[in-house]
């Protein structure tokens, strides 16, 4: 793959609701829990949705467990699935074809109501 460069993807504008918390592998659990406190307290919402993909799955489950212990009386609905991510690579030298690489990534969505 030394002779290829990944083609940057165009970011889609996705509207995120107030109840949604998107967990990343780099974020901190305490920040996600304080966001949930804001959703339940200041925004006066009745539920929160925690979403994560790939390496952030364990952090999403940890966040859901901390929220469960901090806010009593919540119920949980968990959805597991996969999504396909396609990466395109363009050649750096003449005579080479474009290459596409597809991979399956795990997805979790946890509803706390």
N, C-alpha and C. Protein backbone atom coordinates (compact mmCIF):
# COMPACT_ATOMS: atom_id res chain seq x y z
N UNK A 1 0.81 -1.20 0.00
CA UNK A 1 0.00 0.00 0.00
C UNK A 1 0.86 1.27 0.00
N UNK A 2 2.16 1.11 -0.19
CA UNK A 2 3.04 2.28 -0.23
C UNK A 2 2.78 3.13 -1.46
N UNK A 3 2.23 2.53 -2.48
CA UNK A 3 2.02 3.24 -3.74
C UNK A 3 0.61 3.80 -3.85
N UNK A 4 -0.13 3.82 -2.74
CA UNK A 4 -1.51 4.32 -2.75
C UNK A 4 -1.70 5.34 -1.64
N UNK A 5 -2.69 6.19 -1.87
CA UNK A 5 -3.07 7.20 -0.88
C UNK A 5 -4.58 7.10 -0.68
N UNK A 6 -5.02 7.17 0.57
CA UNK A 6 -6.45 7.06 0.85
C UNK A 6 -7.16 8.34 0.41
N UNK A 7 -8.30 8.17 -0.24
CA UNK A 7 -9.10 9.30 -0.69
C UNK A 7 -9.92 9.79 0.50
N UNK A 8 -9.81 11.08 0.85
CA UNK A 8 -10.59 11.59 1.99
C UNK A 8 -12.09 11.55 1.68
N UNK A 9 -12.87 11.17 2.69
CA UNK A 9 -14.32 11.09 2.54
C UNK A 9 -14.93 12.45 2.83
N UNK A 10 -16.04 12.74 2.18
CA UNK A 10 -16.77 13.96 2.48
C UNK A 10 -17.65 13.70 3.70
N UNK A 11 -17.60 14.61 4.65
CA UNK A 11 -18.37 14.46 5.87
C UNK A 11 -19.82 14.84 5.59
N UNK A 12 -20.72 13.96 6.04
CA UNK A 12 -22.14 14.24 5.89
C UNK A 12 -22.61 15.03 7.10
N UNK A 13 -23.50 15.97 6.86
CA UNK A 13 -24.09 16.74 7.96
C UNK A 13 -25.18 15.89 8.60
N UNK A 14 -24.90 15.36 9.79
CA UNK A 14 -25.87 14.54 10.50
C UNK A 14 -26.40 15.36 11.66
N UNK A 15 -27.73 15.45 11.74
CA UNK A 15 -28.35 16.19 12.82
C UNK A 15 -28.40 15.29 14.05
N UNK A 16 -27.82 15.77 15.14
CA UNK A 16 -27.75 15.01 16.38
C UNK A 16 -28.76 15.57 17.36
N UNK A 17 -29.58 14.69 17.95
CA UNK A 17 -30.57 15.14 18.91
C UNK A 17 -29.92 15.42 20.26
N UNK A 18 -30.65 16.11 21.13
CA UNK A 18 -30.12 16.44 22.45
C UNK A 18 -29.90 15.21 23.32
N UNK A 19 -30.70 14.16 23.09
CA UNK A 19 -30.61 12.95 23.91
C UNK A 19 -29.46 12.03 23.52
N UNK A 20 -28.82 12.29 22.39
CA UNK A 20 -27.81 11.39 21.85
C UNK A 20 -26.42 11.71 22.38
N UNK A 21 -25.72 10.66 22.82
CA UNK A 21 -24.33 10.78 23.27
C UNK A 21 -23.51 9.84 22.40
N UNK A 22 -22.61 10.38 21.61
CA UNK A 22 -21.75 9.56 20.75
C UNK A 22 -20.41 9.37 21.44
N UNK A 23 -20.13 8.12 21.78
CA UNK A 23 -18.94 7.77 22.53
C UNK A 23 -17.80 7.47 21.56
N UNK A 24 -16.63 8.03 21.84
CA UNK A 24 -15.44 7.75 21.05
C UNK A 24 -14.41 7.07 21.95
N UNK A 25 -13.44 6.44 21.34
CA UNK A 25 -12.41 5.75 22.10
C UNK A 25 -11.51 6.74 22.84
N UNK A 26 -11.43 7.99 22.38
CA UNK A 26 -10.55 8.97 22.99
C UNK A 26 -11.22 9.77 24.10
N UNK A 27 -12.55 9.77 24.18
CA UNK A 27 -13.27 10.56 25.17
C UNK A 27 -13.21 9.94 26.56
N UNK A 28 -13.60 10.72 27.56
CA UNK A 28 -13.57 10.22 28.93
C UNK A 28 -14.99 9.86 29.38
N UNK A 29 -15.08 8.81 30.18
CA UNK A 29 -16.37 8.34 30.67
C UNK A 29 -17.03 9.41 31.51
N UNK A 30 -16.24 10.13 32.31
CA UNK A 30 -16.82 11.16 33.18
C UNK A 30 -17.47 12.28 32.37
N UNK A 31 -16.91 12.61 31.22
CA UNK A 31 -17.52 13.64 30.37
C UNK A 31 -18.86 13.16 29.82
N UNK A 32 -18.94 11.88 29.45
CA UNK A 32 -20.19 11.34 28.94
C UNK A 32 -21.25 11.25 30.03
N UNK A 33 -20.84 10.92 31.25
CA UNK A 33 -21.78 10.85 32.37
C UNK A 33 -22.29 12.25 32.72
N UNK A 34 -21.41 13.24 32.69
CA UNK A 34 -21.87 14.60 32.98
C UNK A 34 -22.78 15.13 31.87
N UNK A 35 -22.57 14.68 30.63
CA UNK A 35 -23.50 15.04 29.55
C UNK A 35 -24.87 14.41 29.80
N UNK A 36 -24.88 13.17 30.27
CA UNK A 36 -26.15 12.52 30.61
C UNK A 36 -26.85 13.25 31.76
N UNK A 37 -26.08 13.73 32.73
CA UNK A 37 -26.67 14.51 33.83
C UNK A 37 -27.28 15.79 33.30
N UNK A 38 -26.64 16.41 32.33
CA UNK A 38 -27.19 17.61 31.71
C UNK A 38 -28.48 17.29 30.96
N UNK A 39 -28.51 16.18 30.25
CA UNK A 39 -29.70 15.79 29.50
C UNK A 39 -30.86 15.52 30.44
N UNK A 40 -30.62 14.77 31.52
CA UNK A 40 -31.68 14.46 32.45
C UNK A 40 -32.08 15.65 33.31
N UNK A 41 -31.11 16.48 33.71
CA UNK A 41 -31.38 17.58 34.62
C UNK A 41 -31.82 18.85 33.93
N UNK A 42 -30.90 19.52 33.26
CA UNK A 42 -31.18 20.83 32.68
C UNK A 42 -32.11 20.77 31.47
N UNK A 43 -31.91 19.78 30.60
CA UNK A 43 -32.74 19.68 29.41
C UNK A 43 -34.06 18.97 29.69
N UNK A 44 -34.20 18.36 30.87
CA UNK A 44 -35.43 17.70 31.32
C UNK A 44 -35.94 16.66 30.32
N UNK A 45 -35.02 15.86 29.78
CA UNK A 45 -35.39 14.77 28.87
C UNK A 45 -35.61 13.51 29.69
N UNK A 46 -36.39 12.58 29.15
CA UNK A 46 -36.73 11.36 29.86
C UNK A 46 -35.81 10.19 29.51
N UNK A 47 -34.99 10.31 28.47
CA UNK A 47 -34.12 9.21 28.07
C UNK A 47 -32.85 9.75 27.45
N UNK A 48 -31.86 8.88 27.33
CA UNK A 48 -30.59 9.22 26.69
C UNK A 48 -30.20 8.02 25.81
N UNK A 49 -29.60 8.30 24.66
CA UNK A 49 -29.16 7.27 23.72
C UNK A 49 -27.64 7.35 23.62
N UNK A 50 -26.97 6.23 23.93
CA UNK A 50 -25.51 6.16 23.87
C UNK A 50 -25.15 5.35 22.63
N UNK A 51 -24.34 5.93 21.74
CA UNK A 51 -23.95 5.25 20.51
C UNK A 51 -22.43 5.17 20.42
N UNK A 52 -21.94 4.02 19.91
CA UNK A 52 -20.50 3.84 19.74
C UNK A 52 -20.24 2.82 18.65
N UNK A 53 -19.05 2.92 18.05
CA UNK A 53 -18.62 1.94 17.05
C UNK A 53 -17.19 1.53 17.34
N UNK A 54 -16.83 0.34 16.88
CA UNK A 54 -15.44 -0.13 16.93
C UNK A 54 -14.85 -0.21 18.32
N UNK A 55 -13.72 0.45 18.49
CA UNK A 55 -12.97 0.37 19.75
C UNK A 55 -13.66 1.07 20.92
N UNK A 56 -14.69 1.85 20.66
CA UNK A 56 -15.37 2.59 21.72
C UNK A 56 -16.51 1.80 22.36
N UNK A 57 -16.72 0.55 21.95
CA UNK A 57 -17.83 -0.24 22.49
C UNK A 57 -17.72 -0.43 24.00
N UNK A 58 -16.54 -0.77 24.49
CA UNK A 58 -16.38 -1.00 25.92
C UNK A 58 -16.59 0.27 26.72
N UNK A 59 -16.18 1.39 26.18
CA UNK A 59 -16.38 2.66 26.87
C UNK A 59 -17.86 3.03 26.91
N UNK A 60 -18.61 2.67 25.87
CA UNK A 60 -20.05 2.93 25.86
C UNK A 60 -20.77 2.09 26.91
N UNK A 61 -20.37 0.83 27.04
CA UNK A 61 -20.97 -0.04 28.05
C UNK A 61 -20.63 0.46 29.45
N UNK A 62 -19.39 0.88 29.67
CA UNK A 62 -18.99 1.43 30.97
C UNK A 62 -19.80 2.69 31.28
N UNK A 63 -19.97 3.55 30.29
CA UNK A 63 -20.76 4.77 30.48
C UNK A 63 -22.20 4.44 30.86
N UNK A 64 -22.79 3.46 30.18
CA UNK A 64 -24.17 3.06 30.48
C UNK A 64 -24.30 2.52 31.89
N UNK A 65 -23.30 1.75 32.34
CA UNK A 65 -23.34 1.19 33.69
C UNK A 65 -23.20 2.28 34.75
N UNK A 66 -22.35 3.26 34.53
CA UNK A 66 -22.20 4.37 35.48
C UNK A 66 -23.49 5.19 35.52
N UNK A 67 -24.10 5.42 34.37
CA UNK A 67 -25.37 6.17 34.33
C UNK A 67 -26.45 5.40 35.07
N UNK A 68 -26.45 4.07 34.92
CA UNK A 68 -27.45 3.23 35.60
C UNK A 68 -27.34 3.36 37.11
N UNK A 69 -26.12 3.42 37.62
CA UNK A 69 -25.94 3.53 39.06
C UNK A 69 -26.18 4.95 39.58
N UNK A 70 -25.92 5.94 38.76
CA UNK A 70 -26.07 7.32 39.20
C UNK A 70 -27.53 7.78 39.15
N UNK A 71 -28.30 7.32 38.15
CA UNK A 71 -29.69 7.72 37.99
C UNK A 71 -30.57 6.49 38.18
N UNK A 72 -31.20 6.39 39.32
CA UNK A 72 -31.99 5.21 39.67
C UNK A 72 -33.29 5.18 38.87
N UNK A 73 -33.79 3.95 38.62
CA UNK A 73 -35.09 3.78 37.97
C UNK A 73 -35.04 3.78 36.45
N UNK A 74 -33.86 3.69 35.85
CA UNK A 74 -33.75 3.68 34.40
C UNK A 74 -33.76 2.25 33.89
N UNK A 75 -34.31 2.06 32.71
CA UNK A 75 -34.29 0.77 32.04
C UNK A 75 -33.41 0.88 30.81
N UNK A 76 -32.91 -0.27 30.36
CA UNK A 76 -31.95 -0.26 29.25
C UNK A 76 -32.42 -1.14 28.10
N UNK A 77 -32.29 -0.62 26.88
CA UNK A 77 -32.52 -1.39 25.66
C UNK A 77 -31.23 -1.28 24.86
N UNK A 78 -30.62 -2.44 24.54
CA UNK A 78 -29.35 -2.47 23.84
C UNK A 78 -29.53 -3.08 22.46
N UNK A 79 -29.03 -2.40 21.44
CA UNK A 79 -29.04 -2.90 20.07
C UNK A 79 -27.60 -3.05 19.60
N UNK A 80 -27.28 -4.26 19.13
CA UNK A 80 -25.96 -4.54 18.57
C UNK A 80 -26.08 -4.77 17.08
N UNK A 81 -25.08 -4.35 16.34
CA UNK A 81 -25.10 -4.57 14.90
C UNK A 81 -23.73 -4.32 14.29
N UNK A 82 -23.69 -4.37 12.98
CA UNK A 82 -22.46 -4.07 12.25
C UNK A 82 -22.78 -3.09 11.14
N UNK A 83 -21.76 -2.38 10.75
CA UNK A 83 -21.87 -1.48 9.60
C UNK A 83 -20.64 -1.68 8.74
N UNK A 84 -20.80 -1.45 7.46
CA UNK A 84 -19.68 -1.62 6.54
C UNK A 84 -19.05 -0.27 6.23
N UNK A 85 -17.75 -0.20 6.37
CA UNK A 85 -16.99 1.00 6.05
C UNK A 85 -16.14 0.70 4.83
N UNK A 86 -16.26 1.56 3.82
CA UNK A 86 -15.52 1.37 2.57
C UNK A 86 -14.50 2.49 2.44
N UNK A 87 -13.24 2.11 2.31
CA UNK A 87 -12.16 3.07 2.09
C UNK A 87 -11.69 2.96 0.64
N UNK A 88 -11.47 4.11 0.00
CA UNK A 88 -10.97 4.14 -1.37
C UNK A 88 -9.53 4.64 -1.36
N UNK A 89 -8.72 4.00 -2.18
CA UNK A 89 -7.31 4.39 -2.30
C UNK A 89 -7.03 4.70 -3.77
N UNK A 90 -6.33 5.80 -3.99
CA UNK A 90 -5.94 6.17 -5.35
C UNK A 90 -4.44 5.95 -5.52
N UNK A 91 -4.02 5.56 -6.72
CA UNK A 91 -2.60 5.26 -6.93
C UNK A 91 -1.76 6.53 -6.98
N UNK A 92 -0.52 6.40 -6.55
CA UNK A 92 0.43 7.51 -6.62
C UNK A 92 1.28 7.42 -7.89
N UNK A 93 1.26 6.25 -8.54
CA UNK A 93 2.04 6.04 -9.77
C UNK A 93 1.10 5.73 -10.93
N UNK A 94 1.55 5.97 -12.12
CA UNK A 94 0.78 5.68 -13.33
C UNK A 94 0.63 4.17 -13.51
N UNK A 95 -0.47 3.76 -14.11
CA UNK A 95 -0.66 2.36 -14.47
C UNK A 95 -1.30 1.51 -13.38
N UNK A 96 -1.57 2.06 -12.22
CA UNK A 96 -2.21 1.30 -11.15
C UNK A 96 -3.69 1.67 -11.07
N UNK A 97 -4.50 0.73 -10.65
CA UNK A 97 -5.94 0.95 -10.55
C UNK A 97 -6.30 1.44 -9.16
N UNK A 98 -7.51 2.03 -9.05
CA UNK A 98 -8.04 2.41 -7.75
C UNK A 98 -8.34 1.15 -6.96
N UNK A 99 -8.14 1.21 -5.66
CA UNK A 99 -8.39 0.08 -4.79
C UNK A 99 -9.43 0.49 -3.75
N UNK A 100 -10.40 -0.40 -3.51
CA UNK A 100 -11.37 -0.17 -2.44
C UNK A 100 -11.22 -1.27 -1.40
N UNK A 101 -11.31 -0.89 -0.15
CA UNK A 101 -11.18 -1.81 0.97
C UNK A 101 -12.43 -1.66 1.83
N UNK A 102 -13.15 -2.75 2.03
CA UNK A 102 -14.35 -2.70 2.88
C UNK A 102 -14.12 -3.55 4.12
N UNK A 103 -14.64 -3.06 5.24
CA UNK A 103 -14.49 -3.77 6.50
C UNK A 103 -15.76 -3.62 7.32
N UNK A 104 -16.01 -4.61 8.14
CA UNK A 104 -17.18 -4.60 9.01
C UNK A 104 -16.76 -4.06 10.39
N UNK A 105 -17.56 -3.13 10.91
CA UNK A 105 -17.28 -2.54 12.22
C UNK A 105 -18.51 -2.75 13.10
N UNK A 106 -18.29 -3.16 14.34
CA UNK A 106 -19.38 -3.37 15.29
C UNK A 106 -19.97 -2.04 15.73
N UNK A 107 -21.28 -2.05 15.98
CA UNK A 107 -22.00 -0.85 16.40
C UNK A 107 -22.87 -1.22 17.59
N UNK A 108 -22.94 -0.33 18.58
CA UNK A 108 -23.83 -0.53 19.72
C UNK A 108 -24.64 0.74 19.94
N UNK A 109 -25.90 0.53 20.31
CA UNK A 109 -26.78 1.65 20.67
C UNK A 109 -27.50 1.26 21.94
N UNK A 110 -27.31 2.05 22.99
CA UNK A 110 -27.89 1.76 24.29
C UNK A 110 -28.88 2.87 24.63
N UNK A 111 -30.15 2.51 24.81
CA UNK A 111 -31.19 3.46 25.21
C UNK A 111 -31.40 3.31 26.71
N UNK A 112 -31.27 4.39 27.43
CA UNK A 112 -31.53 4.41 28.87
C UNK A 112 -32.80 5.22 29.08
N UNK A 113 -33.87 4.54 29.52
CA UNK A 113 -35.16 5.22 29.70
C UNK A 113 -35.62 5.10 31.13
